[in-house]
Amino acid sequence: MRDLSISVNPEELDANGDKILAQFKVIEDAIEQIQEATKGLSSWKSVNKDKYEEKLNKALPKMQEMAEAIASYGNVAKITSRAIRNTESI
């Protein structure tokens, strides 16, 4: 069997994890703004209001799920970076 050599730069991995988590925060803030704006439309009267609310109610959970998936990638990068550093320091 051939030797397997894998190289990971923990500093770069950690920095990329930070970038991913920063993007998660941007998405999370946007979702919160959408939710707040939706609350402000409670007095809105329109024949299309139900359709609009239905679309938002379907989209927001999917958007939140996507944001959480993005955050999990960032967290995996940070945890992996930490584990590599801990292994190297032993």
PDB file of N, CA and C in Angstrom:
ATOM      1  N   MET A   1       0.840  -1.173   0.000  1.00  0.00           N
ATOM      2  CA  MET A   1       0.000   0.000   0.000  1.00  0.00           C
ATOM      3  C   MET A   1       0.890   1.242   0.000  1.00  0.00           C
ATOM      4  N   ARG A   2       0.509   2.212  -0.781  1.00  0.00           N
ATOM      5  CA  ARG A   2       1.291   3.453  -0.868  1.00  0.00           C
ATOM      6  C   ARG A   2       1.092   4.303   0.378  1.00  0.00           C
ATOM      7  N   ASP A   3       2.103   5.127   0.627  1.00  0.00           N
ATOM      8  CA  ASP A   3       1.976   6.074   1.735  1.00  0.00           C
ATOM      9  C   ASP A   3       0.967   7.143   1.358  1.00  0.00           C
ATOM     10  N   LEU A   4       0.153   7.491   2.307  1.00  0.00           N
ATOM     11  CA  LEU A   4      -0.848   8.523   2.090  1.00  0.00           C
ATOM     12  C   LEU A   4      -0.416   9.763   2.861  1.00  0.00           C
ATOM     13  N   SER A   5      -0.253  10.849   2.159  1.00  0.00           N
ATOM     14  CA  SER A   5       0.184  12.085   2.788  1.00  0.00           C
ATOM     15  C   SER A   5      -0.898  13.142   2.617  1.00  0.00           C
ATOM     16  N   ILE A   6      -1.420  13.611   3.733  1.00  0.00           N
ATOM     17  CA  ILE A   6      -2.450  14.648   3.714  1.00  0.00           C
ATOM     18  C   ILE A   6      -1.909  15.844   4.482  1.00  0.00           C
ATOM     19  N   SER A   7      -2.051  17.003   3.895  1.00  0.00           N
ATOM     20  CA  SER A   7      -1.567  18.220   4.526  1.00  0.00           C
ATOM     21  C   SER A   7      -2.720  19.204   4.690  1.00  0.00           C
ATOM     22  N   VAL A   8      -2.873  19.696   5.912  1.00  0.00           N
ATOM     23  CA  VAL A   8      -3.918  20.680   6.199  1.00  0.00           C
ATOM     24  C   VAL A   8      -3.272  21.818   6.969  1.00  0.00           C
ATOM     25  N   ASN A   9      -3.542  23.028   6.542  1.00  0.00           N
ATOM     26  CA  ASN A   9      -3.044  24.205   7.246  1.00  0.00           C
ATOM     27  C   ASN A   9      -4.127  24.636   8.235  1.00  0.00           C
ATOM     28  N   PRO A  10      -3.930  24.402   9.531  1.00  0.00           N
ATOM     29  CA  PRO A  10      -4.979  24.720  10.501  1.00  0.00           C
ATOM     30  C   PRO A  10      -5.319  26.213  10.569  1.00  0.00           C
ATOM     31  N   GLU A  11      -4.337  27.067  10.317  1.00  0.00           N
ATOM     32  CA  GLU A  11      -4.612  28.511  10.356  1.00  0.00           C
ATOM     33  C   GLU A  11      -5.561  28.912   9.222  1.00  0.00           C
ATOM     34  N   GLU A  12      -5.294  28.372   8.023  1.00  0.00           N
ATOM     35  CA  GLU A  12      -6.173  28.673   6.886  1.00  0.00           C
ATOM     36  C   GLU A  12      -7.559  28.078   7.100  1.00  0.00           C
ATOM     37  N   LEU A  13      -7.603  26.873   7.632  1.00  0.00           N
ATOM     38  CA  LEU A  13      -8.881  26.228   7.899  1.00  0.00           C
ATOM     39  C   LEU A  13      -9.684  27.040   8.912  1.00  0.00           C
ATOM     40  N   ASP A  14      -9.020  27.521   9.946  1.00  0.00           N
ATOM     41  CA  ASP A  14      -9.673  28.342  10.958  1.00  0.00           C
ATOM     42  C   ASP A  14     -10.176  29.651  10.362  1.00  0.00           C
ATOM     43  N   ALA A  15      -9.340  30.280   9.531  1.00  0.00           N
ATOM     44  CA  ALA A  15      -9.732  31.544   8.884  1.00  0.00           C
ATOM     45  C   ALA A  15     -10.929  31.330   7.957  1.00  0.00           C
ATOM     46  N   ASN A  16     -10.928  30.216   7.224  1.00  0.00           N
ATOM     47  CA  ASN A  16     -12.065  29.927   6.348  1.00  0.00           C
ATOM     48  C   ASN A  16     -13.324  29.643   7.158  1.00  0.00           C
ATOM     49  N   GLY A  17     -13.155  28.988   8.290  1.00  0.00           N
ATOM     50  CA  GLY A  17     -14.297  28.775   9.187  1.00  0.00           C
ATOM     51  C   GLY A  17     -14.883  30.096   9.659  1.00  0.00           C
ATOM     52  N   ASP A  18     -13.998  31.055   9.984  1.00  0.00           N
ATOM     53  CA  ASP A  18     -14.458  32.391  10.384  1.00  0.00           C
ATOM     54  C   ASP A  18     -15.226  33.074   9.260  1.00  0.00           C
ATOM     55  N   LYS A  19     -14.730  32.945   8.026  1.00  0.00           N
ATOM     56  CA  LYS A  19     -15.409  33.561   6.880  1.00  0.00           C
ATOM     57  C   LYS A  19     -16.796  32.947   6.666  1.00  0.00           C
ATOM     58  N   ILE A  20     -16.870  31.642   6.787  1.00  0.00           N
ATOM     59  CA  ILE A  20     -18.152  30.957   6.612  1.00  0.00           C
ATOM     60  C   ILE A  20     -19.126  31.398   7.696  1.00  0.00           C
ATOM     61  N   LEU A  21     -18.665  31.457   8.941  1.00  0.00           N
ATOM     62  CA  LEU A  21     -19.540  31.868  10.038  1.00  0.00           C
ATOM     63  C   LEU A  21     -19.955  33.337   9.913  1.00  0.00           C
ATOM     64  N   ALA A  22     -19.093  34.169   9.340  1.00  0.00           N
ATOM     65  CA  ALA A  22     -19.456  35.567   9.107  1.00  0.00           C
ATOM     66  C   ALA A  22     -20.580  35.654   8.075  1.00  0.00           C
ATOM     67  N   GLN A  23     -20.506  34.823   7.038  1.00  0.00           N
ATOM     68  CA  GLN A  23     -21.574  34.805   6.034  1.00  0.00           C
ATOM     69  C   GLN A  23     -22.875  34.275   6.633  1.00  0.00           C
ATOM     70  N   PHE A  24     -22.762  33.299   7.525  1.00  0.00           N
ATOM     71  CA  PHE A  24     -23.948  32.797   8.227  1.00  0.00           C
ATOM     72  C   PHE A  24     -24.616  33.934   8.986  1.00  0.00           C
ATOM     73  N   LYS A  25     -23.827  34.744   9.654  1.00  0.00           N
ATOM     74  CA  LYS A  25     -24.377  35.867  10.428  1.00  0.00           C
ATOM     75  C   LYS A  25     -25.103  36.849   9.511  1.00  0.00           C
ATOM     76  N   VAL A  26     -24.541  37.121   8.342  1.00  0.00           N
ATOM     77  CA  VAL A  26     -25.193  38.022   7.380  1.00  0.00           C
ATOM     78  C   VAL A  26     -26.544  37.453   6.951  1.00  0.00           C
ATOM     79  N   ILE A  27     -26.565  36.161   6.653  1.00  0.00           N
ATOM     80  CA  ILE A  27     -27.812  35.515   6.231  1.00  0.00           C
ATOM     81  C   ILE A  27     -28.821  35.501   7.371  1.00  0.00           C
ATOM     82  N   GLU A  28     -28.347  35.186   8.567  1.00  0.00           N
ATOM     83  CA  GLU A  28     -29.234  35.154   9.730  1.00  0.00           C
ATOM     84  C   GLU A  28     -29.849  36.531   9.985  1.00  0.00           C
ATOM     85  N   ASP A  29     -29.043  37.582   9.865  1.00  0.00           N
ATOM     86  CA  ASP A  29     -29.552  38.943  10.048  1.00  0.00           C
ATOM     87  C   ASP A  29     -30.592  39.287   8.984  1.00  0.00           C
ATOM     88  N   ALA A  30     -30.361  38.861   7.750  1.00  0.00           N
ATOM     89  CA  ALA A  30     -31.314  39.132   6.670  1.00  0.00           C
ATOM     90  C   ALA A  30     -32.632  38.415   6.932  1.00  0.00           C
ATOM     91  N   ILE A  31     -32.570  37.189   7.412  1.00  0.00           N
ATOM     92  CA  ILE A  31     -33.796  36.446   7.729  1.00  0.00           C
ATOM     93  C   ILE A  31     -34.566  37.156   8.832  1.00  0.00           C
ATOM     94  N   GLU A  32     -33.866  37.642   9.842  1.00  0.00           N
ATOM     95  CA  GLU A  32     -34.516  38.386  10.925  1.00  0.00           C
ATOM     96  C   GLU A  32     -35.175  39.659  10.395  1.00  0.00           C
ATOM     97  N   GLN A  33     -34.510  40.352   9.470  1.00  0.00           N
ATOM     98  CA  GLN A  33     -35.088  41.565   8.887  1.00  0.00           C
ATOM     99  C   GLN A  33     -36.363  41.234   8.104  1.00  0.00           C
ATOM    100  N   ILE A  34     -36.342  40.125   7.381  1.00  0.00           N
ATOM    101  CA  ILE A  34     -37.526  39.702   6.636  1.00  0.00           C
ATOM    102  C   ILE A  34     -38.674  39.405   7.603  1.00  0.00           C
ATOM    103  N   GLN A  35     -38.363  38.719   8.692  1.00  0.00           N
ATOM    104  CA  GLN A  35     -39.398  38.390   9.673  1.00  0.00           C
ATOM    105  C   GLN A  35     -39.974  39.654  10.306  1.00  0.00           C
ATOM    106  N   GLU A  36     -39.116  40.606  10.631  1.00  0.00           N
ATOM    107  CA  GLU A  36     -39.577  41.870  11.205  1.00  0.00           C
ATOM    108  C   GLU A  36     -40.438  42.649  10.211  1.00  0.00           C
ATOM    109  N   ALA A  37     -40.004  42.680   8.955  1.00  0.00           N
ATOM    110  CA  ALA A  37     -40.776  43.389   7.928  1.00  0.00           C
ATOM    111  C   ALA A  37     -42.146  42.732   7.733  1.00  0.00           C
ATOM    112  N   THR A  38     -42.180  41.428   7.809  1.00  0.00           N
ATOM    113  CA  THR A  38     -43.436  40.702   7.656  1.00  0.00           C
ATOM    114  C   THR A  38     -44.406  41.058   8.774  1.00  0.00           C
ATOM    115  N   LYS A  39     -43.895  41.193   9.990  1.00  0.00           N
ATOM    116  CA  LYS A  39     -44.747  41.579  11.118  1.00  0.00           C
ATOM    117  C   LYS A  39     -45.368  42.957  10.874  1.00  0.00           C
ATOM    118  N   GLY A  40     -44.609  43.828  10.224  1.00  0.00           N
ATOM    119  CA  GLY A  40     -45.103  45.180   9.937  1.00  0.00           C
ATOM    120  C   GLY A  40     -46.216  45.215   8.903  1.00  0.00           C
ATOM    121  N   LEU A  41     -46.410  44.111   8.203  1.00  0.00           N
ATOM    122  CA  LEU A  41     -47.449  44.051   7.182  1.00  0.00           C
ATOM    123  C   LEU A  41     -48.771  43.497   7.703  1.00  0.00           C
ATOM    124  N   SER A  42     -48.897  43.360   9.013  1.00  0.00           N
ATOM    125  CA  SER A  42     -50.101  42.753   9.579  1.00  0.00           C
ATOM    126  C   SER A  42     -51.365  43.550   9.232  1.00  0.00           C
ATOM    127  N   SER A  43     -51.249  44.842   9.075  1.00  0.00           N
ATOM    128  CA  SER A  43     -52.420  45.657   8.742  1.00  0.00           C
ATOM    129  C   SER A  43     -52.604  45.846   7.238  1.00  0.00           C
ATOM    130  N   TRP A  44     -51.714  45.281   6.461  1.00  0.00           N
ATOM    131  CA  TRP A  44     -51.782  45.395   5.006  1.00  0.00           C
ATOM    132  C   TRP A  44     -53.036  44.711   4.483  1.00  0.00           C
ATOM    133  N   LYS A  45     -53.769  45.392   3.644  1.00  0.00           N
ATOM    134  CA  LYS A  45     -54.984  44.837   3.057  1.00  0.00           C
ATOM    135  C   LYS A  45     -54.791  44.725   1.557  1.00  0.00           C
ATOM    136  N   SER A  46     -54.863  43.492   1.070  1.00  0.00           N
ATOM    137  CA  SER A  46     -54.681  43.235  -0.339  1.00  0.00           C
ATOM    138  C   SER A  46     -55.261  41.865  -0.661  1.00  0.00           C
ATOM    139  N   VAL A  47     -55.704  41.723  -1.895  1.00  0.00           N
ATOM    140  CA  VAL A  47     -56.219  40.417  -2.318  1.00  0.00           C
ATOM    141  C   VAL A  47     -55.078  39.408  -2.426  1.00  0.00           C
ATOM    142  N   ASN A  48     -53.858  39.884  -2.544  1.00  0.00           N
ATOM    143  CA  ASN A  48     -52.685  39.010  -2.682  1.00  0.00           C
ATOM    144  C   ASN A  48     -51.961  38.740  -1.362  1.00  0.00           C
ATOM    145  N   LYS A  49     -52.470  39.293  -0.267  1.00  0.00           N
ATOM    146  CA  LYS A  49     -51.789  39.163   1.017  1.00  0.00           C
ATOM    147  C   LYS A  49     -51.608  37.700   1.414  1.00  0.00           C
ATOM    148  N   ASP A  50     -52.638  36.901   1.266  1.00  0.00           N
ATOM    149  CA  ASP A  50     -52.543  35.487   1.659  1.00  0.00           C
ATOM    150  C   ASP A  50     -51.486  34.754   0.837  1.00  0.00           C
ATOM    151  N   LYS A  51     -51.429  35.034  -0.464  1.00  0.00           N
ATOM    152  CA  LYS A  51     -50.432  34.394  -1.322  1.00  0.00           C
ATOM    153  C   LYS A  51     -49.025  34.801  -0.899  1.00  0.00           C
ATOM    154  N   TYR A  52     -48.854  36.079  -0.607  1.00  0.00           N
ATOM    155  CA  TYR A  52     -47.554  36.605  -0.192  1.00  0.00           C
ATOM    156  C   TYR A  52     -47.114  35.962   1.120  1.00  0.00           C
ATOM    157  N   GLU A  53     -48.025  35.933   2.096  1.00  0.00           N
ATOM    158  CA  GLU A  53     -47.696  35.341   3.390  1.00  0.00           C
ATOM    159  C   GLU A  53     -47.401  33.854   3.261  1.00  0.00           C
ATOM    160  N   GLU A  54     -48.137  33.162   2.392  1.00  0.00           N
ATOM    161  CA  GLU A  54     -47.912  31.741   2.182  1.00  0.00           C
ATOM    162  C   GLU A  54     -46.513  31.483   1.613  1.00  0.00           C
ATOM    163  N   LYS A  55     -46.115  32.309   0.648  1.00  0.00           N
ATOM    164  CA  LYS A  55     -44.768  32.163   0.071  1.00  0.00           C
ATOM    165  C   LYS A  55     -43.691  32.389   1.122  1.00  0.00           C
ATOM    166  N   LEU A  56     -43.872  33.422   1.929  1.00  0.00           N
ATOM    167  CA  LEU A  56     -42.888  33.697   2.977  1.00  0.00           C
ATOM    168  C   LEU A  56     -42.847  32.571   4.004  1.00  0.00           C
ATOM    169  N   ASN A  57     -44.008  32.082   4.392  1.00  0.00           N
ATOM    170  CA  ASN A  57     -44.054  31.015   5.389  1.00  0.00           C
ATOM    171  C   ASN A  57     -43.428  29.723   4.882  1.00  0.00           C
ATOM    172  N   LYS A  58     -43.433  29.517   3.570  1.00  0.00           N
ATOM    173  CA  LYS A  58     -42.765  28.350   2.995  1.00  0.00           C
ATOM    174  C   LYS A  58     -41.260  28.595   2.849  1.00  0.00           C
ATOM    175  N   ALA A  59     -40.893  29.806   2.472  1.00  0.00           N
ATOM    176  CA  ALA A  59     -39.491  30.105   2.170  1.00  0.00           C
ATOM    177  C   ALA A  59     -38.626  30.290   3.417  1.00  0.00           C
ATOM    178  N   LEU A  60     -39.158  30.942   4.430  1.00  0.00           N
ATOM    179  CA  LEU A  60     -38.338  31.259   5.604  1.00  0.00           C
ATOM    180  C   LEU A  60     -37.762  30.026   6.306  1.00  0.00           C
ATOM    181  N   PRO A  61     -38.542  28.977   6.529  1.00  0.00           N
ATOM    182  CA  PRO A  61     -37.930  27.788   7.156  1.00  0.00           C
ATOM    183  C   PRO A  61     -36.818  27.173   6.295  1.00  0.00           C
ATOM    184  N   LYS A  62     -37.000  27.192   4.983  1.00  0.00           N
ATOM    185  CA  LYS A  62     -35.975  26.660   4.086  1.00  0.00           C
ATOM    186  C   LYS A  62     -34.721  27.527   4.152  1.00  0.00           C
ATOM    187  N   MET A  63     -34.923  28.838   4.219  1.00  0.00           N
ATOM    188  CA  MET A  63     -33.786  29.749   4.318  1.00  0.00           C
ATOM    189  C   MET A  63     -33.044  29.534   5.640  1.00  0.00           C
ATOM    190  N   GLN A  64     -33.803  29.345   6.721  1.00  0.00           N
ATOM    191  CA  GLN A  64     -33.192  29.109   8.030  1.00  0.00           C
ATOM    192  C   GLN A  64     -32.415  27.800   8.027  1.00  0.00           C
ATOM    193  N   GLU A  65     -32.970  26.779   7.400  1.00  0.00           N
ATOM    194  CA  GLU A  65     -32.296  25.485   7.297  1.00  0.00           C
ATOM    195  C   GLU A  65     -30.985  25.615   6.510  1.00  0.00           C
ATOM    196  N   MET A  66     -31.027  26.378   5.436  1.00  0.00           N
ATOM    197  CA  MET A  66     -29.829  26.603   4.638  1.00  0.00           C
ATOM    198  C   MET A  66     -28.775  27.346   5.467  1.00  0.00           C
ATOM    199  N   ALA A  67     -29.196  28.351   6.207  1.00  0.00           N
ATOM    200  CA  ALA A  67     -28.265  29.119   7.038  1.00  0.00           C
ATOM    201  C   ALA A  67     -27.628  28.220   8.095  1.00  0.00           C
ATOM    202  N   GLU A  68     -28.417  27.349   8.688  1.00  0.00           N
ATOM    203  CA  GLU A  68     -27.885  26.441   9.703  1.00  0.00           C
ATOM    204  C   GLU A  68     -26.891  25.449   9.092  1.00  0.00           C
ATOM    205  N   ALA A  69     -27.143  25.021   7.866  1.00  0.00           N
ATOM    206  CA  ALA A  69     -26.201  24.126   7.184  1.00  0.00           C
ATOM    207  C   ALA A  69     -24.882  24.846   6.935  1.00  0.00           C
ATOM    208  N   ILE A  70     -24.962  26.100   6.530  1.00  0.00           N
ATOM    209  CA  ILE A  70     -23.758  26.904   6.310  1.00  0.00           C
ATOM    210  C   ILE A  70     -22.979  27.050   7.616  1.00  0.00           C
ATOM    211  N   ALA A  71     -23.695  27.323   8.696  1.00  0.00           N
ATOM    212  CA  ALA A  71     -23.037  27.463   9.995  1.00  0.00           C
ATOM    213  C   ALA A  71     -22.366  26.164  10.407  1.00  0.00           C
ATOM    214  N   SER A  72     -22.983  25.043  10.102  1.00  0.00           N
ATOM    215  CA  SER A  72     -22.376  23.759  10.487  1.00  0.00           C
ATOM    216  C   SER A  72     -21.051  23.543   9.754  1.00  0.00           C
ATOM    217  N   TYR A  73     -20.958  23.972   8.492  1.00  0.00           N
ATOM    218  CA  TYR A  73     -19.690  23.863   7.769  1.00  0.00           C
ATOM    219  C   TYR A  73     -18.618  24.732   8.432  1.00  0.00           C
ATOM    220  N   GLY A  74     -18.996  25.924   8.822  1.00  0.00           N
ATOM    221  CA  GLY A  74     -18.047  26.805   9.506  1.00  0.00           C
ATOM    222  C   GLY A  74     -17.591  26.213  10.832  1.00  0.00           C
ATOM    223  N   ASN A  75     -18.538  25.638  11.566  1.00  0.00           N
ATOM    224  CA  ASN A  75     -18.188  25.031  12.853  1.00  0.00           C
ATOM    225  C   ASN A  75     -17.299  23.806  12.680  1.00  0.00           C
ATOM    226  N   VAL A  76     -17.566  23.006  11.662  1.00  0.00           N
ATOM    227  CA  VAL A  76     -16.711  21.841  11.392  1.00  0.00           C
ATOM    228  C   VAL A  76     -15.283  22.298  11.088  1.00  0.00           C
ATOM    229  N   ALA A  77     -15.151  23.350  10.302  1.00  0.00           N
ATOM    230  CA  ALA A  77     -13.814  23.870   9.986  1.00  0.00           C
ATOM    231  C   ALA A  77     -13.098  24.316  11.259  1.00  0.00           C
ATOM    232  N   LYS A  78     -13.800  25.033  12.126  1.00  0.00           N
ATOM    233  CA  LYS A  78     -13.186  25.520  13.364  1.00  0.00           C
ATOM    234  C   LYS A  78     -12.807  24.362  14.288  1.00  0.00           C
ATOM    235  N   ILE A  79     -13.692  23.382  14.430  1.00  0.00           N
ATOM    236  CA  ILE A  79     -13.428  22.234  15.299  1.00  0.00           C
ATOM    237  C   ILE A  79     -12.267  21.403  14.757  1.00  0.00           C
ATOM    238  N   THR A  80     -12.249  21.205  13.447  1.00  0.00           N
ATOM    239  CA  THR A  80     -11.166  20.435  12.829  1.00  0.00           C
ATOM    240  C   THR A  80      -9.832  21.143  12.997  1.00  0.00           C
ATOM    241  N   SER A  81      -9.832  22.454  12.812  1.00  0.00           N
ATOM    242  CA  SER A  81      -8.613  23.237  12.991  1.00  0.00           C
ATOM    243  C   SER A  81      -8.097  23.102  14.426  1.00  0.00           C
ATOM    244  N   ARG A  82      -9.008  23.187  15.380  1.00  0.00           N
ATOM    245  CA  ARG A  82      -8.633  23.058  16.780  1.00  0.00           C
ATOM    246  C   ARG A  82      -8.072  21.661  17.068  1.00  0.00           C
ATOM    247  N   ALA A  83      -8.712  20.631  16.497  1.00  0.00           N
ATOM    248  CA  ALA A  83      -8.245  19.267  16.712  1.00  0.00           C
ATOM    249  C   ALA A  83      -6.846  19.057  16.111  1.00  0.00           C
ATOM    250  N   ILE A  84      -6.603  19.638  14.946  1.00  0.00           N
ATOM    251  CA  ILE A  84      -5.278  19.529  14.315  1.00  0.00           C
ATOM    252  C   ILE A  84      -4.233  20.196  15.196  1.00  0.00           C
ATOM    253  N   ARG A  85      -4.544  21.376  15.682  1.00  0.00           N
ATOM    254  CA  ARG A  85      -3.581  22.085  16.537  1.00  0.00           C
ATOM    255  C   ARG A  85      -3.310  21.312  17.815  1.00  0.00           C
ATOM    256  N   ASN A  86      -4.357  20.733  18.405  1.00  0.00           N
ATOM    257  CA  ASN A  86      -4.179  19.951  19.629  1.00  0.00           C
ATOM    258  C   ASN A  86      -3.308  18.721  19.367  1.00  0.00           C
ATOM    259  N   THR A  87      -3.530  18.083  18.216  1.00  0.00           N
ATOM    260  CA  THR A  87      -2.730  16.908  17.860  1.00  0.00           C
ATOM    261  C   THR A  87      -1.279  17.290  17.640  1.00  0.00           C
ATOM    262  N   GLU A  88      -1.061  18.424  16.969  1.00  0.00           N
ATOM    263  CA  GLU A  88       0.308  18.866  16.695  1.00  0.00           C
ATOM    264  C   GLU A  88       1.047  19.245  17.976  1.00  0.00           C
ATOM    265  N   SER A  89       0.315  19.722  18.969  1.00  0.00           N
ATOM    266  CA  SER A  89       0.978  20.169  20.196  1.00  0.00           C
ATOM    267  C   SER A  89       1.286  19.017  21.149  1.00  0.00           C
ATOM    268  N   ILE A  90       0.780  17.848  20.865  1.00  0.00           N
ATOM    269  CA  ILE A  90       1.054  16.681  21.738  1.00  0.00           C
ATOM    270  C   ILE A  90       2.459  16.174  21.532  1.00  0.00           C
TER     271      ILE A  90
END
